[in-house]
C-alpha cells in the first residue's frame, strides 16, 4: 500500500473521529467541564502522549529559522482553532459545527491566494460566496437558543473563525512536514500550545469537580483527549505530508455526514429546514471551490 493511499485513509479516519467528537464533546460541556478547561486537558494530554512517543525514537532538532513558523502553527492549530471551536460548541449545536467546519477548504483557497499567490478562478470565487452565504444563513436564521445551546448565532460565528484558523494552520504546517517527522512536530506544537493556553484556560480547569463526573463522561473526556486530539493531529500531519493542504481539507466533507448520523441517532441534535438549506449552500460552495478544471482534447 503506497503512502498516498495511507494518507487518504488517515484523512478519512481523522474526519470520522471529528464527526463523532461534535456530539461527544458537547455532552461534556458545560455541565461537567467548561470549554476552556477542556482545551487545557486536550493540549496537556496530547503533549504528554507525543513527548512519551518521542523518547522511543531519535528526535530531530528544529532549525532556528523554523521556530517562528512552528509557533505560528501552534497558535493557529492548537490555540485559536481549539479555543474558538470548543467555545462555539458550548454555545451552538453539533450539526451546526459540523456544517460550518466544512468551510475550511474555502479558507484554504483564500489563504492560498493571499499567502502563496495561487490563482483563483471565477468559479472558485463564486464558490466562496455561495459557501459564505450558507454559513451566514446558519448565523442569522438559526434559533437563538436551544437545549444546551444558549447562544447559537455567536457559537456559529466562532465556528467560522475556527475554520479560518484551521485552514491557515494547514497551509503553514505543510512546509514543516517536508523537514520533520510527525512526532517531532507534534511534541513541540503541543508543548507551545500548552504554554500559550495555560493562562487562558487554567481558571475553568480549576472549576472541574472530578468526583461529580460520571464514569461514562470520563470515557467521553478520554476520547476527546486521546482520539480527537492525539490521534487526529497525528493522522492529519501524516496525511498532509503526502497530500496538499487543499486536498486534505476536502475530507472535512465527511464530518457533517458522520456528525448528523451520530447526533440524530443519539438524540443530541436534529435536522431542520434552516440547517438543510444552509448545508446545501455550504456543500455547493465547497464543491465549486474544489472542482478541478477538466481538460478536453480534440
C-alpha atoms as a PDB file:
ATOM      1  CA  UNK A   1       0.000   0.000   0.000  1.00  0.00           C
ATOM      2  CA  UNK A   2       1.568   3.301  -1.095  1.00  0.00           C
ATOM      3  CA  UNK A   3       1.866   6.410   1.056  1.00  0.00           C
ATOM      4  CA  UNK A   4      -0.847   8.334  -0.812  1.00  0.00           C
ATOM      5  CA  UNK A   5      -3.456   5.654  -0.082  1.00  0.00           C
ATOM      6  CA  UNK A   6      -2.340   5.526   3.554  1.00  0.00           C
ATOM      7  CA  UNK A   7      -2.614   9.321   3.693  1.00  0.00           C
ATOM      8  CA  UNK A   8      -6.164   9.183   2.313  1.00  0.00           C
ATOM      9  CA  UNK A   9      -7.115   6.523   4.892  1.00  0.00           C
ATOM     10  CA  UNK A  10      -5.547   8.685   7.622  1.00  0.00           C
ATOM     11  CA  UNK A  11      -7.592  11.700   6.483  1.00  0.00           C
ATOM     12  CA  UNK A  12     -10.803   9.622   6.440  1.00  0.00           C
ATOM     13  CA  UNK A  13     -10.033   8.301   9.926  1.00  0.00           C
ATOM     14  CA  UNK A  14      -9.397  11.797  11.304  1.00  0.00           C
ATOM     15  CA  UNK A  15     -12.617  13.196   9.797  1.00  0.00           C
ATOM     16  CA  UNK A  16     -14.644  10.279  11.187  1.00  0.00           C
ATOM     17  CA  UNK A  17     -13.288  10.889  14.688  1.00  0.00           C
ATOM     18  CA  UNK A  18     -14.003  14.627  14.344  1.00  0.00           C
ATOM     19  CA  UNK A  19     -17.573  13.855  13.249  1.00  0.00           C
ATOM     20  CA  UNK A  20     -18.227  11.830  16.414  1.00  0.00           C
ATOM     21  CA  UNK A  21     -16.441  14.431  18.542  1.00  0.00           C
ATOM     22  CA  UNK A  22     -19.010  17.144  17.740  1.00  0.00           C
ATOM     23  CA  UNK A  23     -21.575  15.274  19.855  1.00  0.00           C
ATOM     24  CA  UNK A  24     -19.350  13.663  22.494  1.00  0.00           C
ATOM     25  CA  UNK A  25     -17.615  16.921  23.417  1.00  0.00           C
ATOM     26  CA  UNK A  26     -20.978  18.690  23.501  1.00  0.00           C
ATOM     27  CA  UNK A  27     -22.256  16.104  26.010  1.00  0.00           C
ATOM     28  CA  UNK A  28     -19.440  17.032  28.391  1.00  0.00           C
ATOM     29  CA  UNK A  29     -19.778  20.826  28.080  1.00  0.00           C
ATOM     30  CA  UNK A  30     -20.672  22.841  30.026  1.00  0.00           C
ATOM     31  CA  UNK A  31     -22.295  20.568  32.614  1.00  0.00           C
ATOM     32  CA  UNK A  32     -19.093  18.843  33.691  1.00  0.00           C
ATOM     33  CA  UNK A  33     -16.240  20.736  32.029  1.00  0.00           C
ATOM     34  CA  UNK A  34     -16.203  24.311  30.707  1.00  0.00           C
ATOM     35  CA  UNK A  35     -14.832  24.697  27.141  1.00  0.00           C
ATOM     36  CA  UNK A  36     -11.533  26.347  28.049  1.00  0.00           C
ATOM     37  CA  UNK A  37     -10.905  23.829  30.826  1.00  0.00           C
ATOM     38  CA  UNK A  38     -11.442  21.110  28.236  1.00  0.00           C
ATOM     39  CA  UNK A  39      -8.807  22.695  25.984  1.00  0.00           C
ATOM     40  CA  UNK A  40      -6.203  22.520  28.743  1.00  0.00           C
ATOM     41  CA  UNK A  41      -6.998  18.817  29.161  1.00  0.00           C
ATOM     42  CA  UNK A  42      -6.571  18.317  25.412  1.00  0.00           C
ATOM     43  CA  UNK A  43      -3.256  20.113  24.934  1.00  0.00           C
ATOM     44  CA  UNK A  44      -1.649  18.777  28.120  1.00  0.00           C
ATOM     45  CA  UNK A  45      -2.852  15.231  27.411  1.00  0.00           C
ATOM     46  CA  UNK A  46      -1.662  15.300  23.796  1.00  0.00           C
ATOM     47  CA  UNK A  47       1.642  16.894  24.796  1.00  0.00           C
ATOM     48  CA  UNK A  48       2.321  14.104  27.306  1.00  0.00           C
ATOM     49  CA  UNK A  49       1.453  11.423  24.733  1.00  0.00           C
ATOM     50  CA  UNK A  50       3.600  12.916  21.956  1.00  0.00           C
ATOM     51  CA  UNK A  51       6.589  13.542  24.226  1.00  0.00           C
ATOM     52  CA  UNK A  52       6.314   9.968  25.565  1.00  0.00           C
ATOM     53  CA  UNK A  53       6.410   8.647  21.987  1.00  0.00           C
ATOM     54  CA  UNK A  54       9.386  10.872  21.152  1.00  0.00           C
ATOM     55  CA  UNK A  55      11.552   9.104  23.737  1.00  0.00           C
ATOM     56  CA  UNK A  56      11.190   5.867  21.752  1.00  0.00           C
ATOM     57  CA  UNK A  57      12.975   7.301  18.697  1.00  0.00           C
ATOM     58  CA  UNK A  58      15.804   9.595  17.736  1.00  0.00           C
ATOM     59  CA  UNK A  59      14.497  13.150  17.916  1.00  0.00           C
ATOM     60  CA  UNK A  60      15.123  15.759  15.243  1.00  0.00           C
ATOM     61  CA  UNK A  61      16.352  19.231  16.141  1.00  0.00           C
ATOM     62  CA  UNK A  62      14.202  22.146  14.996  1.00  0.00           C
ATOM     63  CA  UNK A  63      16.242  24.628  12.948  1.00  0.00           C
ATOM     64  CA  UNK A  64      16.379  28.181  14.248  1.00  0.00           C
ATOM     65  CA  UNK A  65      14.707  29.658  11.172  1.00  0.00           C
ATOM     66  CA  UNK A  66      11.708  27.305  11.542  1.00  0.00           C
ATOM     67  CA  UNK A  67      10.739  28.336  15.091  1.00  0.00           C
ATOM     68  CA  UNK A  68       8.589  31.351  14.050  1.00  0.00           C
ATOM     69  CA  UNK A  69       6.557  29.172  11.668  1.00  0.00           C
ATOM     70  CA  UNK A  70       6.281  26.440  14.313  1.00  0.00           C
ATOM     71  CA  UNK A  71       4.949  28.931  16.866  1.00  0.00           C
ATOM     72  CA  UNK A  72       2.503  30.335  14.297  1.00  0.00           C
ATOM     73  CA  UNK A  73       1.286  26.780  13.585  1.00  0.00           C
ATOM     74  CA  UNK A  74       0.700  26.165  17.300  1.00  0.00           C
ATOM     75  CA  UNK A  75      -1.240  29.436  17.644  1.00  0.00           C
ATOM     76  CA  UNK A  76      -3.450  28.711  14.624  1.00  0.00           C
ATOM     77  CA  UNK A  77      -3.846  24.940  15.016  1.00  0.00           C
ATOM     78  CA  UNK A  78      -3.847  24.371  18.767  1.00  0.00           C
ATOM     79  CA  UNK A  79      -4.800  27.706  20.339  1.00  0.00           C
ATOM     80  CA  UNK A  80      -7.223  29.793  18.241  1.00  0.00           C
ATOM     81  CA  UNK A  81      -8.608  26.730  16.461  1.00  0.00           C
ATOM     82  CA  UNK A  82      -9.317  24.795  19.652  1.00  0.00           C
ATOM     83  CA  UNK A  83     -10.457  27.683  21.855  1.00  0.00           C
ATOM     84  CA  UNK A  84     -12.934  29.043  19.307  1.00  0.00           C
ATOM     85  CA  UNK A  85     -14.270  25.609  18.322  1.00  0.00           C
ATOM     86  CA  UNK A  86     -14.948  24.409  21.856  1.00  0.00           C
ATOM     87  CA  UNK A  87     -16.367  27.750  22.973  1.00  0.00           C
ATOM     88  CA  UNK A  88     -18.572  27.736  19.881  1.00  0.00           C
ATOM     89  CA  UNK A  89     -19.665  24.148  20.535  1.00  0.00           C
ATOM     90  CA  UNK A  90     -20.663  25.065  24.097  1.00  0.00           C
ATOM     91  CA  UNK A  91     -22.931  27.796  22.658  1.00  0.00           C
ATOM     92  CA  UNK A  92     -24.260  26.143  19.482  1.00  0.00           C
ATOM     93  CA  UNK A  93     -25.149  22.619  18.265  1.00  0.00           C
ATOM     94  CA  UNK A  94     -23.184  19.607  16.902  1.00  0.00           C
ATOM     95  CA  UNK A  95     -24.783  19.747  13.439  1.00  0.00           C
ATOM     96  CA  UNK A  96     -24.116  23.490  13.077  1.00  0.00           C
ATOM     97  CA  UNK A  97     -20.458  22.991  13.999  1.00  0.00           C
ATOM     98  CA  UNK A  98     -20.005  20.099  11.573  1.00  0.00           C
ATOM     99  CA  UNK A  99     -21.555  22.065   8.692  1.00  0.00           C
ATOM    100  CA  UNK A 100     -19.596  25.281   9.229  1.00  0.00           C
ATOM    101  CA  UNK A 101     -16.260  23.468   9.665  1.00  0.00           C
ATOM    102  CA  UNK A 102     -16.537  22.381   6.022  1.00  0.00           C
ATOM    103  CA  UNK A 103     -15.735  25.999   5.113  1.00  0.00           C
ATOM    104  CA  UNK A 104     -12.080  25.149   5.799  1.00  0.00           C
ATOM    105  CA  UNK A 105     -11.399  24.204   2.132  1.00  0.00           C
ATOM    106  CA  UNK A 106     -12.749  27.640   1.159  1.00  0.00           C
ATOM    107  CA  UNK A 107     -10.481  29.253   3.750  1.00  0.00           C
ATOM    108  CA  UNK A 108      -7.504  27.253   2.446  1.00  0.00           C
ATOM    109  CA  UNK A 109      -8.207  28.523  -1.066  1.00  0.00           C
ATOM    110  CA  UNK A 110      -8.492  32.151   0.082  1.00  0.00           C
ATOM    111  CA  UNK A 111      -5.356  31.965   2.187  1.00  0.00           C
ATOM    112  CA  UNK A 112      -3.516  30.136  -0.585  1.00  0.00           C
ATOM    113  CA  UNK A 113      -4.308  33.019  -2.921  1.00  0.00           C
ATOM    114  CA  UNK A 114      -3.155  35.600  -0.373  1.00  0.00           C
ATOM    115  CA  UNK A 115      -0.093  33.842   1.048  1.00  0.00           C
ATOM    116  CA  UNK A 116       1.009  31.562  -1.798  1.00  0.00           C
ATOM    117  CA  UNK A 117      -0.227  33.784  -4.647  1.00  0.00           C
ATOM    118  CA  UNK A 118      -2.299  30.935  -6.083  1.00  0.00           C
ATOM    119  CA  UNK A 119      -4.681  31.891  -8.899  1.00  0.00           C
ATOM    120  CA  UNK A 120      -8.434  31.918  -8.119  1.00  0.00           C
ATOM    121  CA  UNK A 121     -10.872  31.277 -10.976  1.00  0.00           C
ATOM    122  CA  UNK A 122     -14.307  32.876 -11.285  1.00  0.00           C
ATOM    123  CA  UNK A 123     -15.893  29.522 -10.378  1.00  0.00           C
ATOM    124  CA  UNK A 124     -13.904  29.385  -7.168  1.00  0.00           C
ATOM    125  CA  UNK A 125     -14.794  32.991  -6.310  1.00  0.00           C
ATOM    126  CA  UNK A 126     -18.469  32.116  -6.835  1.00  0.00           C
ATOM    127  CA  UNK A 127     -17.986  29.038  -4.641  1.00  0.00           C
ATOM    128  CA  UNK A 128     -16.517  31.159  -1.858  1.00  0.00           C
ATOM    129  CA  UNK A 129     -19.541  33.463  -1.989  1.00  0.00           C
ATOM    130  CA  UNK A 130     -22.051  30.575  -2.045  1.00  0.00           C
ATOM    131  CA  UNK A 131     -20.312  28.811   0.871  1.00  0.00           C
ATOM    132  CA  UNK A 132     -20.228  32.016   2.887  1.00  0.00           C
ATOM    133  CA  UNK A 133     -23.956  32.524   2.259  1.00  0.00           C
ATOM    134  CA  UNK A 134     -24.583  29.085   3.749  1.00  0.00           C
ATOM    135  CA  UNK A 135     -22.578  29.911   6.855  1.00  0.00           C
ATOM    136  CA  UNK A 136     -24.363  33.253   7.238  1.00  0.00           C
ATOM    137  CA  UNK A 137     -27.752  31.513   6.948  1.00  0.00           C
ATOM    138  CA  UNK A 138     -26.813  29.433   9.987  1.00  0.00           C
ATOM    139  CA  UNK A 139     -25.589  32.527  11.830  1.00  0.00           C
ATOM    140  CA  UNK A 140     -28.608  34.758  11.179  1.00  0.00           C
ATOM    141  CA  UNK A 141     -31.542  32.358  10.745  1.00  0.00           C
ATOM    142  CA  UNK A 142     -30.865  29.641  13.312  1.00  0.00           C
ATOM    143  CA  UNK A 143     -32.854  29.670  16.530  1.00  0.00           C
ATOM    144  CA  UNK A 144     -31.105  31.911  19.037  1.00  0.00           C
ATOM    145  CA  UNK A 145     -31.168  29.210  21.736  1.00  0.00           C
ATOM    146  CA  UNK A 146     -31.861  25.505  22.100  1.00  0.00           C
ATOM    147  CA  UNK A 147     -31.384  22.747  24.656  1.00  0.00           C
ATOM    148  CA  UNK A 148     -27.793  23.021  25.906  1.00  0.00           C
ATOM    149  CA  UNK A 149     -27.125  25.707  23.251  1.00  0.00           C
ATOM    150  CA  UNK A 150     -27.506  29.132  24.916  1.00  0.00           C
ATOM    151  CA  UNK A 151     -26.272  31.371  22.057  1.00  0.00           C
ATOM    152  CA  UNK A 152     -26.360  29.628  18.679  1.00  0.00           C
ATOM    153  CA  UNK A 153     -25.579  32.664  16.426  1.00  0.00           C
ATOM    154  CA  UNK A 154     -22.468  33.589  18.445  1.00  0.00           C
ATOM    155  CA  UNK A 155     -21.383  29.952  18.530  1.00  0.00           C
ATOM    156  CA  UNK A 156     -21.722  29.767  14.730  1.00  0.00           C
ATOM    157  CA  UNK A 157     -19.557  32.890  14.309  1.00  0.00           C
ATOM    158  CA  UNK A 158     -16.877  31.267  16.472  1.00  0.00           C
ATOM    159  CA  UNK A 159     -17.022  28.189  14.211  1.00  0.00           C
ATOM    160  CA  UNK A 160     -16.247  30.409  11.205  1.00  0.00           C
ATOM    161  CA  UNK A 161     -13.165  31.802  12.986  1.00  0.00           C
ATOM    162  CA  UNK A 162     -12.210  28.221  13.839  1.00  0.00           C
ATOM    163  CA  UNK A 163     -12.478  27.170  10.169  1.00  0.00           C
ATOM    164  CA  UNK A 164     -10.296  30.117   9.110  1.00  0.00           C
ATOM    165  CA  UNK A 165      -7.683  29.339  11.761  1.00  0.00           C
ATOM    166  CA  UNK A 166      -7.507  25.637  10.867  1.00  0.00           C
ATOM    167  CA  UNK A 167      -7.209  26.482   7.168  1.00  0.00           C
ATOM    168  CA  UNK A 168      -4.263  28.766   7.950  1.00  0.00           C
ATOM    169  CA  UNK A 169      -2.697  26.023  10.083  1.00  0.00           C
ATOM    170  CA  UNK A 170      -2.838  23.542   7.181  1.00  0.00           C
ATOM    171  CA  UNK A 171      -1.031  25.993   4.894  1.00  0.00           C
ATOM    172  CA  UNK A 172       1.624  26.971   7.459  1.00  0.00           C
ATOM    173  CA  UNK A 173       2.433  23.430   8.610  1.00  0.00           C
ATOM    174  CA  UNK A 174       2.825  21.920   5.128  1.00  0.00           C
ATOM    175  CA  UNK A 175       6.478  23.061   4.572  1.00  0.00           C
ATOM    176  CA  UNK A 176       7.456  21.789   8.027  1.00  0.00           C
ATOM    177  CA  UNK A 177       6.211  18.275   7.244  1.00  0.00           C
ATOM    178  CA  UNK A 178       8.839  18.040   4.490  1.00  0.00           C
ATOM    179  CA  UNK A 179      11.610  18.700   7.035  1.00  0.00           C
ATOM    180  CA  UNK A 180      10.494  16.949  10.210  1.00  0.00           C
ATOM    181  CA  UNK A 181       8.725  13.752  11.228  1.00  0.00           C
ATOM    182  CA  UNK A 182       5.224  13.835  12.693  1.00  0.00           C
ATOM    183  CA  UNK A 183       6.219  13.093  16.314  1.00  0.00           C
ATOM    184  CA  UNK A 184       8.870  15.833  16.377  1.00  0.00           C
ATOM    185  CA  UNK A 185       6.415  18.403  15.037  1.00  0.00           C
ATOM    186  CA  UNK A 186       3.532  17.400  17.288  1.00  0.00           C
ATOM    187  CA  UNK A 187       5.523  17.273  20.536  1.00  0.00           C
ATOM    188  CA  UNK A 188       6.756  20.837  20.046  1.00  0.00           C
ATOM    189  CA  UNK A 189       3.463  22.179  18.697  1.00  0.00           C
ATOM    190  CA  UNK A 190       1.506  20.872  21.672  1.00  0.00           C
ATOM    191  CA  UNK A 191       4.121  21.973  24.187  1.00  0.00           C
ATOM    192  CA  UNK A 192       3.991  25.511  22.762  1.00  0.00           C
ATOM    193  CA  UNK A 193       0.174  25.325  22.737  1.00  0.00           C
ATOM    194  CA  UNK A 194       0.142  24.226  26.387  1.00  0.00           C
ATOM    195  CA  UNK A 195       2.276  27.216  27.418  1.00  0.00           C
ATOM    196  CA  UNK A 196       0.109  29.701  25.476  1.00  0.00           C
ATOM    197  CA  UNK A 197      -3.223  28.152  26.509  1.00  0.00           C
ATOM    198  CA  UNK A 198      -2.363  27.769  30.202  1.00  0.00           C
ATOM    199  CA  UNK A 199      -3.138  31.326  31.405  1.00  0.00           C
ATOM    200  CA  UNK A 200      -6.330  31.403  29.289  1.00  0.00           C
ATOM    201  CA  UNK A 201      -7.698  28.032  30.379  1.00  0.00           C
ATOM    202  CA  UNK A 202      -6.442  27.390  33.916  1.00  0.00           C
ATOM    203  CA  UNK A 203      -9.402  29.191  35.533  1.00  0.00           C
ATOM    204  CA  UNK A 204     -12.047  26.931  34.011  1.00  0.00           C
ATOM    205  CA  UNK A 205      -9.844  23.867  34.505  1.00  0.00           C
ATOM    206  CA  UNK A 206      -9.715  24.561  38.252  1.00  0.00           C
ATOM    207  CA  UNK A 207     -13.534  24.624  38.323  1.00  0.00           C
ATOM    208  CA  UNK A 208     -13.797  20.939  37.321  1.00  0.00           C
ATOM    209  CA  UNK A 209     -15.269  18.828  40.141  1.00  0.00           C
ATOM    210  CA  UNK A 210     -13.824  15.433  39.214  1.00  0.00           C
ATOM    211  CA  UNK A 211     -15.658  13.434  41.880  1.00  0.00           C
ATOM    212  CA  UNK A 212     -19.026  14.514  40.437  1.00  0.00           C
ATOM    213  CA  UNK A 213     -18.251  13.380  36.870  1.00  0.00           C
ATOM    214  CA  UNK A 214     -19.946  10.060  35.916  1.00  0.00           C
ATOM    215  CA  UNK A 215     -17.790   7.235  34.540  1.00  0.00           C
ATOM    216  CA  UNK A 216     -19.358   7.458  31.075  1.00  0.00           C
ATOM    217  CA  UNK A 217     -18.439  11.161  30.883  1.00  0.00           C
ATOM    218  CA  UNK A 218     -14.864  10.376  31.933  1.00  0.00           C
ATOM    219  CA  UNK A 219     -14.686   7.987  28.969  1.00  0.00           C
ATOM    220  CA  UNK A 220     -16.002  10.749  26.707  1.00  0.00           C
ATOM    221  CA  UNK A 221     -13.314  13.107  28.006  1.00  0.00           C
ATOM    222  CA  UNK A 222     -10.694  10.419  27.372  1.00  0.00           C
ATOM    223  CA  UNK A 223     -11.985  10.003  23.796  1.00  0.00           C
ATOM    224  CA  UNK A 224     -11.644  13.734  23.122  1.00  0.00           C
ATOM    225  CA  UNK A 225      -8.100  13.845  24.541  1.00  0.00           C
ATOM    226  CA  UNK A 226      -6.746  10.612  23.029  1.00  0.00           C
ATOM    227  CA  UNK A 227      -8.734  10.218  19.803  1.00  0.00           C
ATOM    228  CA  UNK A 228      -9.866  13.736  18.834  1.00  0.00           C
ATOM    229  CA  UNK A 229      -6.600  15.408  19.824  1.00  0.00           C
ATOM    230  CA  UNK A 230      -3.679  12.960  19.850  1.00  0.00           C
ATOM    231  CA  UNK A 231      -4.808  10.586  17.084  1.00  0.00           C
ATOM    232  CA  UNK A 232      -6.386  13.106  14.693  1.00  0.00           C
ATOM    233  CA  UNK A 233      -3.436  15.506  14.757  1.00  0.00           C
ATOM    234  CA  UNK A 234      -1.073  12.566  14.199  1.00  0.00           C
ATOM    235  CA  UNK A 235      -3.216  11.273  11.329  1.00  0.00           C
ATOM    236  CA  UNK A 236      -3.542  14.758   9.792  1.00  0.00           C
ATOM    237  CA  UNK A 237       0.181  15.503   9.995  1.00  0.00           C
ATOM    238  CA  UNK A 238       0.884  12.204   8.226  1.00  0.00           C
ATOM    239  CA  UNK A 239      -1.798  12.912   5.621  1.00  0.00           C
ATOM    240  CA  UNK A 240      -0.588  16.423   4.827  1.00  0.00           C
ATOM    241  CA  UNK A 241       2.931  15.080   4.312  1.00  0.00           C
ATOM    242  CA  UNK A 242       1.625  13.242   1.239  1.00  0.00           C
ATOM    243  CA  UNK A 243      -1.392  15.367   0.250  1.00  0.00           C
ATOM    244  CA  UNK A 244      -1.822  19.072  -0.460  1.00  0.00           C
ATOM    245  CA  UNK A 245      -3.487  21.312   2.121  1.00  0.00           C
ATOM    246  CA  UNK A 246      -6.487  21.842  -0.168  1.00  0.00           C
ATOM    247  CA  UNK A 247      -6.878  18.088  -0.787  1.00  0.00           C
ATOM    248  CA  UNK A 248      -6.712  17.283   2.915  1.00  0.00           C
ATOM    249  CA  UNK A 249      -9.251  19.980   3.750  1.00  0.00           C
ATOM    250  CA  UNK A 250     -11.734  18.368   1.331  1.00  0.00           C
ATOM    251  CA  UNK A 251     -12.015  15.342   3.634  1.00  0.00           C
ATOM    252  CA  UNK A 252     -13.829  17.603   6.091  1.00  0.00           C
ATOM    253  CA  UNK A 253     -16.938  16.974   3.980  1.00  0.00           C
ATOM    254  CA  UNK A 254     -17.181  13.672   5.845  1.00  0.00           C
ATOM    255  CA  UNK A 255     -17.627  15.426   9.180  1.00  0.00           C
ATOM    256  CA  UNK A 256     -21.233  16.612   8.673  1.00  0.00           C
ATOM    257  CA  UNK A 257     -22.279  13.180   7.407  1.00  0.00           C
ATOM    258  CA  UNK A 258     -20.783  11.389  10.408  1.00  0.00           C
ATOM    259  CA  UNK A 259     -21.888  14.119  12.831  1.00  0.00           C
ATOM    260  CA  UNK A 260     -25.501  14.188  11.583  1.00  0.00           C
ATOM    261  CA  UNK A 261     -25.841  10.387  11.665  1.00  0.00           C
ATOM    262  CA  UNK A 262     -24.335  10.171  15.146  1.00  0.00           C
ATOM    263  CA  UNK A 263     -26.022  13.247  16.653  1.00  0.00           C
ATOM    264  CA  UNK A 264     -29.507  12.323  15.407  1.00  0.00           C
ATOM    265  CA  UNK A 265     -29.106   8.655  16.332  1.00  0.00           C
ATOM    266  CA  UNK A 266     -28.349   9.505  19.967  1.00  0.00           C
ATOM    267  CA  UNK A 267     -30.876  12.367  20.091  1.00  0.00           C
ATOM    268  CA  UNK A 268     -28.245  15.068  20.657  1.00  0.00           C
ATOM    269  CA  UNK A 269     -29.439  17.254  17.760  1.00  0.00           C
ATOM    270  CA  UNK A 270     -31.995  17.306  14.976  1.00  0.00           C
ATOM    271  CA  UNK A 271     -32.194  18.449  11.385  1.00  0.00           C
ATOM    272  CA  UNK A 272     -34.457  21.344  10.373  1.00  0.00           C
ATOM    273  CA  UNK A 273     -35.071  23.353   7.206  1.00  0.00           C
ATOM    274  CA  UNK A 274     -32.550  26.090   8.065  1.00  0.00           C
ATOM    275  CA  UNK A 275     -29.761  23.549   8.624  1.00  0.00           C
ATOM    276  CA  UNK A 276     -30.613  21.672   5.437  1.00  0.00           C
ATOM    277  CA  UNK A 277     -30.699  24.833   3.269  1.00  0.00           C
ATOM    278  CA  UNK A 278     -27.509  26.195   4.859  1.00  0.00           C
ATOM    279  CA  UNK A 279     -25.811  22.829   4.401  1.00  0.00           C
ATOM    280  CA  UNK A 280     -26.729  22.745   0.712  1.00  0.00           C
ATOM    281  CA  UNK A 281     -25.238  26.217   0.203  1.00  0.00           C
ATOM    282  CA  UNK A 282     -22.043  25.301   2.063  1.00  0.00           C
ATOM    283  CA  UNK A 283     -21.581  21.975   0.258  1.00  0.00           C
ATOM    284  CA  UNK A 284     -22.306  23.545  -3.128  1.00  0.00           C
ATOM    285  CA  UNK A 285     -19.806  26.319  -2.435  1.00  0.00           C
ATOM    286  CA  UNK A 286     -17.150  23.862  -1.319  1.00  0.00           C
ATOM    287  CA  UNK A 287     -17.764  21.727  -4.440  1.00  0.00           C
ATOM    288  CA  UNK A 288     -17.310  24.789  -6.657  1.00  0.00           C
ATOM    289  CA  UNK A 289     -14.125  25.777  -4.839  1.00  0.00           C
ATOM    290  CA  UNK A 290     -12.528  22.330  -5.078  1.00  0.00           C
ATOM    291  CA  UNK A 291     -13.767  21.352  -8.548  1.00  0.00           C
ATOM    292  CA  UNK A 292     -10.855  20.676 -10.847  1.00  0.00           C
ATOM    293  CA  UNK A 293     -10.860  22.114 -14.337  1.00  0.00           C
ATOM    294  CA  UNK A 294     -11.407  19.356 -16.878  1.00  0.00           C
ATOM    295  CA  UNK A 295      -9.068  19.189 -19.812  1.00  0.00           C
ATOM    296  CA  UNK A 296     -10.603  18.350 -23.189  1.00  0.00           C
ATOM    297  CA  UNK A 297      -8.733  17.048 -26.186  1.00  0.00           C
ATOM    298  CA  UNK A 298      -9.699  17.121 -29.808  1.00  0.00           C
END
